[in-house]
């Protein structure tokens, strides 16, 4: 299994979890006339799930933030 198929599997898994979290049965359970600091709980749930979904996708797709150090034997770019 190569890195690309593993990444695709993770993204499909995140998508399925996101679809299940935003599906009718779960939203019907949360859709009650309850407010938290004046905001309906359903709105907070939707915002939380959506932000978690975006965060998980961003974490999955992120690249290595640390660049590889240049070895001292190679000349700097532009100076061949």
PDB file of N, CA and C in Angstrom:
ATOM      1  N   UNK A   1       0.839  -1.164   0.000  1.00  0.00           N
ATOM      2  CA  UNK A   1       0.000   0.000   0.000  1.00  0.00           C
ATOM      3  C   UNK A   1       0.893   1.240   0.000  1.00  0.00           C
ATOM      4  N   UNK A   2       0.653   2.122  -0.948  1.00  0.00           N
ATOM      5  CA  UNK A   2       1.488   3.312  -1.007  1.00  0.00           C
ATOM      6  C   UNK A   2       0.865   4.446  -0.207  1.00  0.00           C
ATOM      7  N   UNK A   3       1.610   5.545  -0.105  1.00  0.00           N
ATOM      8  CA  UNK A   3       1.193   6.679   0.715  1.00  0.00           C
ATOM      9  C   UNK A   3      -0.085   7.328   0.189  1.00  0.00           C
ATOM     10  N   UNK A   4      -0.256   7.352  -1.123  1.00  0.00           N
ATOM     11  CA  UNK A   4      -1.421   7.984  -1.731  1.00  0.00           C
ATOM     12  C   UNK A   4      -2.708   7.250  -1.371  1.00  0.00           C
ATOM     13  N   UNK A   5      -2.698   5.922  -1.436  1.00  0.00           N
ATOM     14  CA  UNK A   5      -3.915   5.178  -1.121  1.00  0.00           C
ATOM     15  C   UNK A   5      -4.229   5.262   0.370  1.00  0.00           C
ATOM     16  N   UNK A   6      -3.209   5.312   1.215  1.00  0.00           N
ATOM     17  CA  UNK A   6      -3.433   5.467   2.650  1.00  0.00           C
ATOM     18  C   UNK A   6      -4.070   6.826   2.944  1.00  0.00           C
ATOM     19  N   UNK A   7      -3.602   7.856   2.268  1.00  0.00           N
ATOM     20  CA  UNK A   7      -4.169   9.196   2.429  1.00  0.00           C
ATOM     21  C   UNK A   7      -5.614   9.225   1.958  1.00  0.00           C
ATOM     22  N   UNK A   8      -5.885   8.581   0.829  1.00  0.00           N
ATOM     23  CA  UNK A   8      -7.252   8.520   0.312  1.00  0.00           C
ATOM     24  C   UNK A   8      -8.177   7.786   1.283  1.00  0.00           C
ATOM     25  N   UNK A   9      -7.692   6.702   1.877  1.00  0.00           N
ATOM     26  CA  UNK A   9      -8.504   5.960   2.833  1.00  0.00           C
ATOM     27  C   UNK A   9      -8.829   6.814   4.054  1.00  0.00           C
ATOM     28  N   UNK A  10      -7.853   7.579   4.537  1.00  0.00           N
ATOM     29  CA  UNK A  10      -8.103   8.450   5.682  1.00  0.00           C
ATOM     30  C   UNK A  10      -9.121   9.527   5.349  1.00  0.00           C
ATOM     31  N   UNK A  11      -9.012  10.104   4.159  1.00  0.00           N
ATOM     32  CA  UNK A  11      -9.957  11.147   3.761  1.00  0.00           C
ATOM     33  C   UNK A  11     -11.371  10.592   3.590  1.00  0.00           C
ATOM     34  N   UNK A  12     -11.494   9.401   3.047  1.00  0.00           N
ATOM     35  CA  UNK A  12     -12.810   8.773   2.905  1.00  0.00           C
ATOM     36  C   UNK A  12     -13.394   8.483   4.287  1.00  0.00           C
ATOM     37  N   UNK A  13     -12.574   8.024   5.217  1.00  0.00           N
ATOM     38  CA  UNK A  13     -13.031   7.759   6.573  1.00  0.00           C
ATOM     39  C   UNK A  13     -13.532   9.044   7.240  1.00  0.00           C
ATOM     40  N   UNK A  14     -12.790  10.135   7.093  1.00  0.00           N
ATOM     41  CA  UNK A  14     -13.209  11.421   7.659  1.00  0.00           C
ATOM     42  C   UNK A  14     -14.518  11.877   7.018  1.00  0.00           C
ATOM     43  N   UNK A  15     -14.664  11.678   5.723  1.00  0.00           N
ATOM     44  CA  UNK A  15     -15.888  12.059   5.029  1.00  0.00           C
ATOM     45  C   UNK A  15     -17.086  11.262   5.554  1.00  0.00           C
ATOM     46  N   UNK A  16     -16.922   9.969   5.732  1.00  0.00           N
ATOM     47  CA  UNK A  16     -18.019   9.126   6.220  1.00  0.00           C
ATOM     48  C   UNK A  16     -18.411   9.537   7.640  1.00  0.00           C
ATOM     49  N   UNK A  17     -17.431   9.790   8.496  1.00  0.00           N
ATOM     50  CA  UNK A  17     -17.722  10.240   9.859  1.00  0.00           C
ATOM     51  C   UNK A  17     -18.444  11.587   9.827  1.00  0.00           C
ATOM     52  N   UNK A  18     -18.016  12.488   8.943  1.00  0.00           N
ATOM     53  CA  UNK A  18     -18.679  13.784   8.825  1.00  0.00           C
ATOM     54  C   UNK A  18     -20.113  13.658   8.347  1.00  0.00           C
ATOM     55  N   UNK A  19     -20.349  12.800   7.390  1.00  0.00           N
ATOM     56  CA  UNK A  19     -21.710  12.595   6.886  1.00  0.00           C
ATOM     57  C   UNK A  19     -22.596  11.998   7.983  1.00  0.00           C
ATOM     58  N   UNK A  20     -22.067  11.032   8.717  1.00  0.00           N
ATOM     59  CA  UNK A  20     -22.850  10.433   9.800  1.00  0.00           C
ATOM     60  C   UNK A  20     -23.146  11.449  10.905  1.00  0.00           C
ATOM     61  N   UNK A  21     -22.192  12.316  11.203  1.00  0.00           N
ATOM     62  CA  UNK A  21     -22.391  13.312  12.258  1.00  0.00           C
ATOM     63  C   UNK A  21     -23.412  14.367  11.855  1.00  0.00           C
ATOM     64  N   UNK A  22     -23.559  14.612  10.545  1.00  0.00           N
ATOM     65  CA  UNK A  22     -24.509  15.613  10.068  1.00  0.00           C
ATOM     66  C   UNK A  22     -25.784  14.981   9.515  1.00  0.00           C
ATOM     67  N   UNK A  23     -26.006  13.720   9.809  1.00  0.00           N
ATOM     68  CA  UNK A  23     -27.177  13.003   9.314  1.00  0.00           C
ATOM     69  C   UNK A  23     -28.392  13.286  10.197  1.00  0.00           C
ATOM     70  N   UNK A  24     -29.570  13.024   9.648  1.00  0.00           N
ATOM     71  CA  UNK A  24     -30.821  13.371  10.319  1.00  0.00           C
ATOM     72  C   UNK A  24     -30.991  12.784  11.723  1.00  0.00           C
ATOM     73  N   UNK A  25     -30.772  11.501  11.967  1.00  0.00           N
ATOM     74  CA  UNK A  25     -31.064  10.984  13.309  1.00  0.00           C
ATOM     75  C   UNK A  25     -30.293  11.694  14.424  1.00  0.00           C
ATOM     76  N   UNK A  26     -29.036  11.955  14.210  1.00  0.00           N
ATOM     77  CA  UNK A  26     -28.254  12.637  15.230  1.00  0.00           C
ATOM     78  C   UNK A  26     -28.702  14.081  15.392  1.00  0.00           C
ATOM     79  N   UNK A  27     -28.994  14.739  14.288  1.00  0.00           N
ATOM     80  CA  UNK A  27     -29.424  16.138  14.368  1.00  0.00           C
ATOM     81  C   UNK A  27     -30.805  16.235  14.996  1.00  0.00           C
ATOM     82  N   UNK A  28     -31.665  15.233  14.821  1.00  0.00           N
ATOM     83  CA  UNK A  28     -32.985  15.253  15.445  1.00  0.00           C
ATOM     84  C   UNK A  28     -32.865  15.115  16.963  1.00  0.00           C
ATOM     85  N   UNK A  29     -31.884  14.357  17.416  1.00  0.00           N
ATOM     86  CA  UNK A  29     -31.661  14.220  18.858  1.00  0.00           C
ATOM     87  C   UNK A  29     -31.212  15.555  19.453  1.00  0.00           C
ATOM     88  N   UNK A  30     -30.390  16.278  18.738  1.00  0.00           N
ATOM     89  CA  UNK A  30     -29.826  17.527  19.245  1.00  0.00           C
ATOM     90  C   UNK A  30     -30.777  18.703  19.056  1.00  0.00           C
ATOM     91  N   UNK A  31     -31.698  18.602  18.117  1.00  0.00           N
ATOM     92  CA  UNK A  31     -32.595  19.717  17.812  1.00  0.00           C
ATOM     93  C   UNK A  31     -33.691  19.836  18.876  1.00  0.00           C
ATOM     94  N   UNK A  32     -33.339  20.401  20.007  1.00  0.00           N
ATOM     95  CA  UNK A  32     -34.262  20.636  21.115  1.00  0.00           C
ATOM     96  C   UNK A  32     -34.288  22.138  21.392  1.00  0.00           C
ATOM     97  N   UNK A  33     -35.335  22.637  21.992  1.00  0.00           N
ATOM     98  CA  UNK A  33     -35.377  24.069  22.307  1.00  0.00           C
ATOM     99  C   UNK A  33     -34.517  24.405  23.524  1.00  0.00           C
ATOM    100  N   UNK A  34     -33.234  24.103  23.426  1.00  0.00           N
ATOM    101  CA  UNK A  34     -32.286  24.374  24.505  1.00  0.00           C
ATOM    102  C   UNK A  34     -31.282  25.398  23.993  1.00  0.00           C
ATOM    103  N   UNK A  35     -30.975  26.375  24.841  1.00  0.00           N
ATOM    104  CA  UNK A  35     -30.059  27.439  24.460  1.00  0.00           C
ATOM    105  C   UNK A  35     -28.881  27.460  25.414  1.00  0.00           C
ATOM    106  N   UNK A  36     -27.721  27.757  24.882  1.00  0.00           N
ATOM    107  CA  UNK A  36     -26.518  27.910  25.681  1.00  0.00           C
ATOM    108  C   UNK A  36     -26.013  29.323  25.441  1.00  0.00           C
ATOM    109  N   UNK A  37     -26.170  30.176  26.430  1.00  0.00           N
ATOM    110  CA  UNK A  37     -25.825  31.604  26.329  1.00  0.00           C
ATOM    111  C   UNK A  37     -26.557  32.261  25.166  1.00  0.00           C
ATOM    112  N   UNK A  38     -27.795  31.885  24.967  1.00  0.00           N
ATOM    113  CA  UNK A  38     -28.624  32.500  23.943  1.00  0.00           C
ATOM    114  C   UNK A  38     -28.485  31.915  22.546  1.00  0.00           C
ATOM    115  N   UNK A  39     -27.635  30.905  22.380  1.00  0.00           N
ATOM    116  CA  UNK A  39     -27.419  30.282  21.069  1.00  0.00           C
ATOM    117  C   UNK A  39     -28.018  28.878  21.104  1.00  0.00           C
ATOM    118  N   UNK A  40     -28.843  28.527  20.108  1.00  0.00           N
ATOM    119  CA  UNK A  40     -29.410  27.172  20.090  1.00  0.00           C
ATOM    120  C   UNK A  40     -28.307  26.103  20.033  1.00  0.00           C
ATOM    121  N   UNK A  41     -28.517  25.023  20.761  1.00  0.00           N
ATOM    122  CA  UNK A  41     -27.526  23.951  20.841  1.00  0.00           C
ATOM    123  C   UNK A  41     -27.273  23.332  19.465  1.00  0.00           C
ATOM    124  N   UNK A  42     -28.295  23.291  18.623  1.00  0.00           N
ATOM    125  CA  UNK A  42     -28.119  22.742  17.273  1.00  0.00           C
ATOM    126  C   UNK A  42     -27.097  23.552  16.483  1.00  0.00           C
ATOM    127  N   UNK A  43     -27.147  24.872  16.593  1.00  0.00           N
ATOM    128  CA  UNK A  43     -26.179  25.721  15.889  1.00  0.00           C
ATOM    129  C   UNK A  43     -24.770  25.479  16.405  1.00  0.00           C
ATOM    130  N   UNK A  44     -24.637  25.351  17.712  1.00  0.00           N
ATOM    131  CA  UNK A  44     -23.318  25.071  18.285  1.00  0.00           C
ATOM    132  C   UNK A  44     -22.799  23.715  17.825  1.00  0.00           C
ATOM    133  N   UNK A  45     -23.682  22.727  17.771  1.00  0.00           N
ATOM    134  CA  UNK A  45     -23.298  21.392  17.308  1.00  0.00           C
ATOM    135  C   UNK A  45     -22.821  21.447  15.857  1.00  0.00           C
ATOM    136  N   UNK A  46     -23.579  22.135  14.999  1.00  0.00           N
ATOM    137  CA  UNK A  46     -23.203  22.239  13.586  1.00  0.00           C
ATOM    138  C   UNK A  46     -21.856  22.943  13.426  1.00  0.00           C
ATOM    139  N   UNK A  47     -21.663  24.033  14.153  1.00  0.00           N
ATOM    140  CA  UNK A  47     -20.392  24.760  14.074  1.00  0.00           C
ATOM    141  C   UNK A  47     -19.242  23.889  14.558  1.00  0.00           C
ATOM    142  N   UNK A  48     -19.445  23.172  15.661  1.00  0.00           N
ATOM    143  CA  UNK A  48     -18.396  22.323  16.212  1.00  0.00           C
ATOM    144  C   UNK A  48     -18.038  21.182  15.259  1.00  0.00           C
ATOM    145  N   UNK A  49     -19.037  20.486  14.722  1.00  0.00           N
ATOM    146  CA  UNK A  49     -18.774  19.371  13.810  1.00  0.00           C
ATOM    147  C   UNK A  49     -18.091  19.867  12.542  1.00  0.00           C
ATOM    148  N   UNK A  50     -18.575  20.980  12.000  1.00  0.00           N
ATOM    149  CA  UNK A  50     -17.985  21.509  10.767  1.00  0.00           C
ATOM    150  C   UNK A  50     -16.528  21.929  10.988  1.00  0.00           C
ATOM    151  N   UNK A  51     -16.238  22.584  12.114  1.00  0.00           N
ATOM    152  CA  UNK A  51     -14.863  22.999  12.383  1.00  0.00           C
ATOM    153  C   UNK A  51     -13.965  21.783  12.649  1.00  0.00           C
ATOM    154  N   UNK A  52     -14.475  20.763  13.311  1.00  0.00           N
ATOM    155  CA  UNK A  52     -13.685  19.536  13.500  1.00  0.00           C
ATOM    156  C   UNK A  52     -13.405  18.855  12.166  1.00  0.00           C
ATOM    157  N   UNK A  53     -14.402  18.840  11.283  1.00  0.00           N
ATOM    158  CA  UNK A  53     -14.228  18.250   9.961  1.00  0.00           C
ATOM    159  C   UNK A  53     -13.123  18.983   9.189  1.00  0.00           C
ATOM    160  N   UNK A  54     -13.163  20.303   9.191  1.00  0.00           N
ATOM    161  CA  UNK A  54     -12.137  21.091   8.494  1.00  0.00           C
ATOM    162  C   UNK A  54     -10.773  20.866   9.126  1.00  0.00           C
ATOM    163  N   UNK A  55     -10.717  20.827  10.455  1.00  0.00           N
ATOM    164  CA  UNK A  55      -9.449  20.596  11.143  1.00  0.00           C
ATOM    165  C   UNK A  55      -8.857  19.228  10.844  1.00  0.00           C
ATOM    166  N   UNK A  56      -9.690  18.197  10.824  1.00  0.00           N
ATOM    167  CA  UNK A  56      -9.194  16.853  10.520  1.00  0.00           C
ATOM    168  C   UNK A  56      -8.681  16.746   9.086  1.00  0.00           C
ATOM    169  N   UNK A  57      -9.396  17.348   8.148  1.00  0.00           N
ATOM    170  CA  UNK A  57      -8.939  17.324   6.755  1.00  0.00           C
ATOM    171  C   UNK A  57      -7.626  18.092   6.619  1.00  0.00           C
ATOM    172  N   UNK A  58      -7.534  19.254   7.266  1.00  0.00           N
ATOM    173  CA  UNK A  58      -6.298  20.041   7.206  1.00  0.00           C
ATOM    174  C   UNK A  58      -5.135  19.283   7.839  1.00  0.00           C
ATOM    175  N   UNK A  59      -5.387  18.621   8.966  1.00  0.00           N
ATOM    176  CA  UNK A  59      -4.334  17.847   9.620  1.00  0.00           C
ATOM    177  C   UNK A  59      -3.898  16.679   8.749  1.00  0.00           C
ATOM    178  N   UNK A  60      -4.846  16.038   8.079  1.00  0.00           N
ATOM    179  CA  UNK A  60      -4.534  14.896   7.218  1.00  0.00           C
ATOM    180  C   UNK A  60      -3.743  15.329   5.991  1.00  0.00           C
ATOM    181  N   UNK A  61      -4.074  16.492   5.444  1.00  0.00           N
ATOM    182  CA  UNK A  61      -3.432  16.934   4.210  1.00  0.00           C
ATOM    183  C   UNK A  61      -2.189  17.797   4.419  1.00  0.00           C
ATOM    184  N   UNK A  62      -1.850  18.074   5.655  1.00  0.00           N
ATOM    185  CA  UNK A  62      -0.708  18.969   5.889  1.00  0.00           C
ATOM    186  C   UNK A  62       0.586  18.323   5.403  1.00  0.00           C
ATOM    187  N   UNK A  63       1.505  19.181   5.047  1.00  0.00           N
ATOM    188  CA  UNK A  63       2.810  18.699   4.599  1.00  0.00           C
ATOM    189  C   UNK A  63       3.788  18.848   5.762  1.00  0.00           C
ATOM    190  N   UNK A  64       4.924  18.239   5.614  1.00  0.00           N
ATOM    191  CA  UNK A  64       5.951  18.332   6.641  1.00  0.00           C
ATOM    192  C   UNK A  64       6.389  19.792   6.768  1.00  0.00           C
ATOM    193  N   UNK A  65       6.165  20.433   7.924  1.00  0.00           N
ATOM    194  CA  UNK A  65       6.476  21.852   8.042  1.00  0.00           C
ATOM    195  C   UNK A  65       7.964  22.162   8.132  1.00  0.00           C
ATOM    196  N   UNK A  66       8.770  21.184   8.472  1.00  0.00           N
ATOM    197  CA  UNK A  66      10.209  21.428   8.597  1.00  0.00           C
ATOM    198  C   UNK A  66      10.931  21.076   7.294  1.00  0.00           C
ATOM    199  N   UNK A  67      11.515  22.056   6.643  1.00  0.00           N
ATOM    200  CA  UNK A  67      12.269  21.732   5.433  1.00  0.00           C
ATOM    201  C   UNK A  67      13.566  21.006   5.783  1.00  0.00           C
ATOM    202  N   UNK A  68      14.024  20.212   4.847  1.00  0.00           N
ATOM    203  CA  UNK A  68      15.281  19.506   5.059  1.00  0.00           C
ATOM    204  C   UNK A  68      16.424  20.517   4.985  1.00  0.00           C
ATOM    205  N   UNK A  69      17.369  20.423   5.901  1.00  0.00           N
ATOM    206  CA  UNK A  69      18.485  21.376   5.854  1.00  0.00           C
ATOM    207  C   UNK A  69      19.379  21.097   4.651  1.00  0.00           C
ATOM    208  N   UNK A  70      19.900  22.160   4.073  1.00  0.00           N
ATOM    209  CA  UNK A  70      20.827  22.014   2.956  1.00  0.00           C
ATOM    210  C   UNK A  70      22.175  21.530   3.480  1.00  0.00           C
ATOM    211  N   UNK A  71      22.773  20.610   2.770  1.00  0.00           N
ATOM    212  CA  UNK A  71      24.098  20.173   3.185  1.00  0.00           C
ATOM    213  C   UNK A  71      25.109  21.260   2.811  1.00  0.00           C
ATOM    214  N   UNK A  72      26.200  21.293   3.510  1.00  0.00           N
ATOM    215  CA  UNK A  72      27.200  22.343   3.285  1.00  0.00           C
ATOM    216  C   UNK A  72      27.933  22.173   1.969  1.00  0.00           C
ATOM    217  N   UNK A  73      27.825  21.008   1.338  1.00  0.00           N
ATOM    218  CA  UNK A  73      28.546  20.762   0.098  1.00  0.00           C
ATOM    219  C   UNK A  73      27.820  21.331  -1.108  1.00  0.00           C
ATOM    220  N   UNK A  74      26.505  21.545  -0.996  1.00  0.00           N
ATOM    221  CA  UNK A  74      25.781  22.072  -2.140  1.00  0.00           C
ATOM    222  C   UNK A  74      25.833  23.601  -2.123  1.00  0.00           C
ATOM    223  N   UNK A  75      26.037  24.193  -3.292  1.00  0.00           N
ATOM    224  CA  UNK A  75      26.065  25.658  -3.337  1.00  0.00           C
ATOM    225  C   UNK A  75      24.664  26.226  -3.139  1.00  0.00           C
ATOM    226  N   UNK A  76      24.562  27.451  -2.687  1.00  0.00           N
ATOM    227  CA  UNK A  76      23.239  28.050  -2.521  1.00  0.00           C
ATOM    228  C   UNK A  76      22.546  28.198  -3.877  1.00  0.00           C
ATOM    229  N   UNK A  77      21.218  28.263  -3.881  1.00  0.00           N
ATOM    230  CA  UNK A  77      20.486  28.367  -5.140  1.00  0.00           C
ATOM    231  C   UNK A  77      20.933  29.601  -5.928  1.00  0.00           C
ATOM    232  N   UNK A  78      21.121  29.410  -7.215  1.00  0.00           N
ATOM    233  CA  UNK A  78      21.541  30.500  -8.096  1.00  0.00           C
ATOM    234  C   UNK A  78      23.041  30.648  -8.219  1.00  0.00           C
ATOM    235  N   UNK A  79      23.809  29.955  -7.412  1.00  0.00           N
ATOM    236  CA  UNK A  79      25.278  30.058  -7.454  1.00  0.00           C
ATOM    237  C   UNK A  79      25.850  28.702  -7.837  1.00  0.00           C
ATOM    238  N   UNK A  80      25.798  28.370  -9.083  1.00  0.00           N
ATOM    239  CA  UNK A  80      26.341  27.099  -9.547  1.00  0.00           C
ATOM    240  C   UNK A  80      27.700  27.344 -10.000  1.00  0.00           C
TER     241      UNK A  80
END
